[in-house]
Amino acid sequence: MSTVTSQDGTVIDYDLYGDGPAVIFIGGATQYRAIDLGTRQTARLLADEGFTAVDYDRRGRGRSGDTSPWALDREVEDLAALIKAAGGAATLYSSSSGATVALAAADAGIGVTALALYEPPFFAGADLSEHLTALRSLLADGRNDEAMRYNMTTVIGVPSEVVTGMANSSGWADMVAVAPTLLYDLTATNDVNTDPDWAARWSSITVPAIVYSGDRTFPGLPECADAVAAALPTATRQILHGQGHGPTPEAIAPALLRFLGRAGDASDDGR
C-alpha cells in the first residue's frame, strides 16, 4: 500500500499493480478496497497486460482520510495527486457515481488521457434533494445502518429482502462504516441531474472516451449511458452482455484492454 497527500492535506491510500501506462479506478458510492474485490482483480488483469493499475480508497473510505467540508473539487485534487504519483498521465475508469469525479477531473486538465465510464447514473431532471435531506437527518443522528438501508432500498431500488440478506452478511459493517460518504456521491450526482444544461458541462472534454453499460442492469441506466456518451465529443458506446451494475473482472478487463489499445492509437496520432 502507498499514500499520496492531497492539496488540503488529506492522505489518500492506494494499491499499485504492474508497470506501464497508468489506469486509475474510481469507485462509486460506498465502493472501496476492503469490500471491492472485483476492482482489485480487474486491476491485476490490466497489470498482467502491461499497465500500471491504481486502486485507491476515495476520501472518507477505508484507509484514506477525510477533511471537511467535502467538495467535488477536493476529490479532483485527490486524483491530481494520484496522477502525479503515477507519472503525470492516466486513464480514468469509473464505476457508477464515480463518473462525477472522473468527468470533473477530465475537465480540469490534470493529466487525464482517456475516460472509461461504467453506467454513470445521471437521470436528467431527477431531483435527489429529498433523499439527501433524509440521509443527512439519519446520519446526523448516528443512524448509519438505517441510512445505508434507505439508500439501497429507496434511492437505488434494491428489493428490501435483498438488502436484508446483505445486512446479515459479514461485509455489511464495512458498508455502514462509509455511510457518511453517501452524501458525497448523491450531492455530486444531483448537481448533474438538476442542471438543465448538464450535457454541455463536458463538451470541452476531447480525450478518448467510452461509456459502458450491462444488459442486465437496473432500468434506465443504459439510457443514462447513451446520454453521457452523446454529450462527450469523442465517446463511443458499448454494452456488455450478461452484466449488471457491477461488471465481473472477466467482462470489464478485456473491454478496457480493447479500449486502451484504441485510446493509445488516438493519443499517438493527435486525435
Protein backbone atom coordinates (compact mmCIF):
# COMPACT_ATOMS: atom_id res chain seq x y z
CA MET A 1 0.00 0.00 0.00
CA SER A 2 1.11 3.55 -0.77
CA THR A 3 -0.15 7.04 0.00
CA VAL A 4 -0.28 10.49 -1.51
CA THR A 5 -1.18 13.73 0.23
CA SER A 6 -3.86 15.80 -1.44
CA GLN A 7 -3.81 19.58 -1.68
CA ASP A 8 -5.86 20.04 1.50
CA GLY A 9 -3.63 17.66 3.48
CA THR A 10 -5.87 14.61 3.24
CA VAL A 11 -3.93 11.34 2.93
CA ILE A 12 -5.17 9.09 0.13
CA ASP A 13 -4.24 5.41 0.34
CA TYR A 14 -3.85 3.24 -2.74
CA ASP A 15 -2.53 -0.03 -4.16
CA LEU A 16 -0.35 -0.12 -7.25
CA TYR A 17 -0.18 -3.06 -9.65
CA GLY A 18 2.05 -3.53 -12.68
CA ASP A 19 4.30 -1.24 -14.68
CA GLY A 20 3.23 0.74 -17.73
CA PRO A 21 0.67 3.39 -18.72
CA ALA A 22 -1.46 4.27 -15.70
CA VAL A 23 -5.13 3.40 -15.23
CA ILE A 24 -6.83 4.73 -12.09
CA PHE A 25 -10.00 3.02 -10.82
CA ILE A 26 -12.64 5.30 -9.27
CA GLY A 27 -15.31 3.58 -7.19
CA GLY A 28 -18.96 4.50 -6.97
CA ALA A 29 -20.98 5.08 -3.81
CA THR A 30 -19.72 3.00 -0.82
CA GLN A 31 -17.18 1.24 -3.04
CA TYR A 32 -13.69 0.84 -1.58
CA ARG A 33 -10.93 -1.73 -1.39
CA ALA A 34 -11.95 -3.57 1.78
CA ILE A 35 -15.22 -4.73 0.20
CA ASP A 36 -14.45 -4.43 -3.51
CA LEU A 37 -12.52 -7.49 -4.61
CA GLY A 38 -13.70 -7.12 -8.19
CA THR A 39 -11.76 -3.94 -8.83
CA ARG A 40 -8.63 -5.50 -7.35
CA GLN A 41 -8.97 -8.46 -9.70
CA THR A 42 -9.58 -6.17 -12.69
CA ALA A 43 -6.55 -4.08 -11.76
CA ARG A 44 -4.38 -7.18 -11.66
CA LEU A 45 -5.65 -8.32 -15.05
CA LEU A 46 -4.67 -4.97 -16.55
CA ALA A 47 -1.30 -5.12 -14.79
CA ASP A 48 -0.68 -8.52 -16.37
CA GLU A 49 -1.10 -6.86 -19.77
CA GLY A 50 1.46 -4.11 -19.22
CA PHE A 51 -0.42 -1.37 -17.41
CA THR A 52 0.05 0.32 -14.05
CA ALA A 53 -3.30 -0.06 -12.27
CA VAL A 54 -4.11 2.22 -9.34
CA ASP A 55 -6.84 1.07 -6.94
CA TYR A 56 -7.50 3.69 -4.25
CA ASP A 57 -9.90 4.46 -1.43
CA ARG A 58 -11.76 7.67 -2.15
CA ARG A 59 -11.66 10.17 0.70
CA GLY A 60 -13.73 9.16 3.71
CA ARG A 61 -13.41 5.46 2.92
CA GLY A 62 -11.17 2.66 4.10
CA ARG A 63 -7.59 3.70 4.73
CA SER A 64 -7.90 7.18 3.22
CA GLY A 65 -8.50 10.24 5.35
CA ASP A 66 -11.21 12.87 5.09
CA THR A 67 -11.29 16.61 5.62
CA SER A 68 -14.43 18.73 5.98
CA PRO A 69 -16.10 20.29 4.16
CA TRP A 70 -16.39 17.87 1.27
CA ALA A 71 -16.44 19.24 -2.27
CA LEU A 72 -16.10 17.57 -5.65
CA ASP A 73 -13.07 19.77 -6.31
CA ARG A 74 -11.32 18.11 -3.36
CA GLU A 75 -11.80 14.70 -4.99
CA VAL A 76 -10.35 16.09 -8.21
CA GLU A 77 -7.33 17.25 -6.21
CA ASP A 78 -7.01 13.73 -4.82
CA LEU A 79 -6.86 12.42 -8.37
CA ALA A 80 -4.32 15.07 -9.34
CA ALA A 81 -2.03 13.78 -6.58
CA LEU A 82 -2.52 10.18 -7.72
CA ILE A 83 -1.88 11.05 -11.36
CA LYS A 84 1.30 12.87 -10.40
CA ALA A 85 2.47 9.84 -8.40
CA ALA A 86 1.68 7.59 -11.38
CA GLY A 87 3.88 9.59 -13.73
CA GLY A 88 1.75 12.58 -14.70
CA ALA A 89 -0.80 10.98 -17.04
CA ALA A 90 -3.55 8.40 -16.57
CA THR A 91 -6.69 6.85 -17.97
CA LEU A 92 -9.61 7.02 -15.55
CA TYR A 93 -12.08 4.15 -15.19
CA SER A 94 -15.12 4.93 -13.05
CA SER A 95 -17.96 2.84 -11.69
CA SER A 96 -21.45 4.32 -11.34
CA SER A 97 -21.40 7.69 -9.50
CA GLY A 98 -17.61 7.68 -9.60
CA ALA A 99 -18.22 9.22 -13.03
CA THR A 100 -18.85 12.55 -11.30
CA VAL A 101 -15.21 12.55 -10.17
CA ALA A 102 -13.83 11.19 -13.44
CA LEU A 103 -15.61 13.74 -15.62
CA ALA A 104 -14.70 16.66 -13.36
CA ALA A 105 -11.07 15.53 -13.39
CA ALA A 106 -11.00 15.20 -17.18
CA ASP A 107 -12.39 18.72 -17.45
CA ALA A 108 -9.80 20.07 -15.00
CA GLY A 109 -6.77 19.41 -17.18
CA ILE A 110 -4.78 17.39 -14.64
CA GLY A 111 -3.28 14.79 -16.96
CA VAL A 112 -6.28 12.62 -17.82
CA THR A 113 -5.53 10.92 -21.14
CA ALA A 114 -8.69 8.81 -21.59
CA LEU A 115 -12.02 8.12 -19.88
CA ALA A 116 -13.89 4.85 -19.41
CA LEU A 117 -17.21 5.17 -17.57
CA TYR A 118 -19.38 2.27 -16.42
CA GLU A 119 -23.06 3.16 -16.02
CA PRO A 120 -22.92 6.81 -14.90
CA PRO A 121 -26.26 7.23 -13.07
CA PHE A 122 -27.32 10.63 -14.39
CA PHE A 123 -31.10 10.85 -14.75
CA ALA A 124 -31.84 14.27 -16.24
CA GLY A 125 -34.28 16.19 -14.06
CA ALA A 126 -34.34 13.61 -11.25
CA ASP A 127 -34.01 15.75 -8.12
CA LEU A 128 -32.47 13.84 -5.20
CA SER A 129 -32.91 16.68 -2.69
CA GLU A 130 -35.49 14.82 -0.58
CA HIS A 131 -33.22 11.80 -0.37
CA LEU A 132 -30.30 14.00 0.64
CA THR A 133 -32.38 15.59 3.39
CA ALA A 134 -33.45 12.18 4.70
CA LEU A 135 -29.90 10.85 4.67
CA ARG A 136 -28.49 13.93 6.40
CA SER A 137 -31.05 13.51 9.18
CA LEU A 138 -30.28 9.82 9.68
CA LEU A 139 -26.53 10.37 9.63
CA ALA A 140 -26.72 13.34 11.99
CA ASP A 141 -28.48 11.05 14.48
CA GLY A 142 -25.80 8.38 14.09
CA ARG A 143 -28.23 6.02 12.37
CA ASN A 144 -25.75 4.90 9.75
CA ASP A 145 -27.27 1.45 9.36
CA GLU A 146 -30.66 2.97 8.58
CA ALA A 147 -29.04 5.43 6.20
CA MET A 148 -27.44 2.60 4.26
CA ARG A 149 -30.71 0.68 4.11
CA TYR A 150 -32.54 3.82 2.97
CA ASN A 151 -30.02 4.37 0.20
CA MET A 152 -30.20 0.79 -1.01
CA THR A 153 -33.99 0.43 -0.97
CA THR A 154 -35.38 3.92 -1.54
CA VAL A 155 -32.69 5.67 -3.57
CA ILE A 156 -31.37 2.76 -5.65
CA GLY A 157 -34.42 0.50 -5.60
CA VAL A 158 -32.89 -2.74 -4.36
CA PRO A 159 -35.65 -5.07 -3.06
CA SER A 160 -35.91 -4.98 0.73
CA GLU A 161 -35.41 -8.74 1.04
CA VAL A 162 -32.13 -8.46 -0.85
CA VAL A 163 -30.98 -5.65 1.45
CA THR A 164 -31.93 -7.74 4.48
CA GLY A 165 -29.72 -10.51 3.16
CA MET A 166 -26.89 -8.05 2.62
CA ALA A 167 -27.33 -6.73 6.16
CA ASN A 168 -26.83 -10.24 7.50
CA SER A 169 -23.57 -10.68 5.63
CA SER A 170 -20.08 -10.19 7.04
CA GLY A 171 -19.42 -7.21 4.76
CA TRP A 172 -22.38 -5.10 5.88
CA ALA A 173 -20.48 -3.40 8.71
CA ASP A 174 -17.83 -2.29 6.22
CA MET A 175 -20.53 -0.69 4.08
CA VAL A 176 -22.18 1.01 7.03
CA ALA A 177 -18.80 2.42 8.07
CA VAL A 178 -18.72 4.61 4.95
CA ALA A 179 -22.39 5.65 5.05
CA PRO A 180 -21.47 9.34 5.58
CA THR A 181 -19.89 9.37 2.12
CA LEU A 182 -23.27 8.63 0.55
CA LEU A 183 -23.85 12.36 0.80
CA TYR A 184 -20.78 12.99 -1.36
CA ASP A 185 -21.94 10.85 -4.27
CA LEU A 186 -25.58 11.86 -4.08
CA THR A 187 -24.70 15.55 -3.93
CA ALA A 188 -22.43 15.32 -6.96
CA THR A 189 -24.95 13.22 -8.88
CA ASN A 190 -27.79 15.58 -8.01
CA ASP A 191 -25.79 18.56 -9.24
CA VAL A 192 -25.70 16.88 -12.65
CA ASN A 193 -29.31 15.68 -12.61
CA THR A 194 -30.73 19.12 -11.80
CA ASP A 195 -28.59 21.08 -14.25
CA PRO A 196 -30.87 21.82 -17.24
CA ASP A 197 -27.81 22.12 -19.46
CA TRP A 198 -25.85 19.26 -17.91
CA ALA A 199 -24.70 17.78 -21.20
CA ALA A 200 -22.82 20.98 -22.03
CA ARG A 201 -20.64 20.51 -18.94
CA TRP A 202 -18.44 18.03 -20.77
CA SER A 203 -18.39 19.45 -24.29
CA SER A 204 -14.76 20.51 -23.87
CA ILE A 205 -13.56 17.01 -22.91
CA THR A 206 -11.83 15.72 -26.02
CA VAL A 207 -9.76 12.81 -24.72
CA PRO A 208 -10.75 9.34 -26.00
CA ALA A 209 -13.77 8.10 -24.05
CA ILE A 210 -16.07 5.11 -23.82
CA VAL A 211 -19.28 4.58 -21.87
CA TYR A 212 -20.31 1.07 -20.86
CA SER A 213 -23.50 -0.49 -19.57
CA GLY A 214 -24.64 -4.03 -18.95
CA ASP A 215 -27.71 -5.64 -20.47
CA ARG A 216 -28.84 -6.98 -17.09
CA THR A 217 -28.67 -3.75 -15.13
CA PHE A 218 -31.22 -1.51 -13.41
CA PRO A 219 -33.88 0.10 -15.63
CA GLY A 220 -32.86 3.45 -17.04
CA LEU A 221 -29.11 3.07 -16.67
CA PRO A 222 -28.49 2.11 -20.33
CA GLU A 223 -30.32 5.28 -21.36
CA CYS A 224 -28.16 7.27 -18.93
CA ALA A 225 -25.09 5.79 -20.58
CA ASP A 226 -26.45 6.72 -24.00
CA ALA A 227 -26.95 10.33 -22.90
CA VAL A 228 -23.47 10.68 -21.41
CA ALA A 229 -21.87 9.16 -24.50
CA ALA A 230 -23.77 11.61 -26.67
CA ALA A 231 -22.56 14.51 -24.52
CA LEU A 232 -18.87 13.61 -24.85
CA PRO A 233 -17.50 14.68 -28.25
CA THR A 234 -15.19 11.67 -28.64
CA ALA A 235 -17.12 8.95 -26.81
CA THR A 236 -18.03 5.53 -28.08
CA ARG A 237 -20.64 3.26 -26.52
CA GLN A 238 -20.50 -0.43 -25.59
CA ILE A 239 -22.98 -2.82 -24.00
CA LEU A 240 -21.51 -5.73 -22.03
CA HIS A 241 -23.69 -8.80 -22.34
CA GLY A 242 -24.66 -10.66 -19.21
CA GLN A 243 -23.52 -7.83 -16.94
CA GLY A 244 -25.38 -5.91 -14.26
CA HIS A 245 -24.48 -2.69 -12.45
CA GLY A 246 -21.25 -4.27 -11.22
CA PRO A 247 -19.41 -5.98 -14.10
CA THR A 248 -17.26 -9.02 -13.49
CA PRO A 249 -13.49 -8.65 -13.92
CA GLU A 250 -13.66 -11.23 -16.71
CA ALA A 251 -16.05 -8.97 -18.63
CA ILE A 252 -14.72 -5.48 -17.99
CA ALA A 253 -10.97 -6.15 -18.17
CA PRO A 254 -10.97 -7.33 -21.82
CA ALA A 255 -13.27 -4.44 -22.75
CA LEU A 256 -10.92 -1.96 -21.12
CA LEU A 257 -7.90 -3.50 -22.81
CA ARG A 258 -9.55 -3.16 -26.22
CA PHE A 259 -10.40 0.47 -25.49
CA LEU A 260 -6.95 1.26 -24.13
CA GLY A 261 -5.42 -0.01 -27.33
CA ARG A 262 -7.61 2.34 -29.36
CA ALA A 263 -7.08 5.20 -26.90
CA GLY A 264 -3.33 4.80 -27.22
CA ASP A 265 -3.57 4.94 -31.01
CA ALA A 266 -5.71 8.09 -30.83
CA SER A 267 -3.27 9.77 -28.45
CA ASP A 268 -0.33 8.89 -30.71
CA ASP A 269 -1.83 10.38 -33.86
CA GLY A 270 -3.15 13.50 -32.18
CA ARG A 271 -6.87 12.79 -32.48
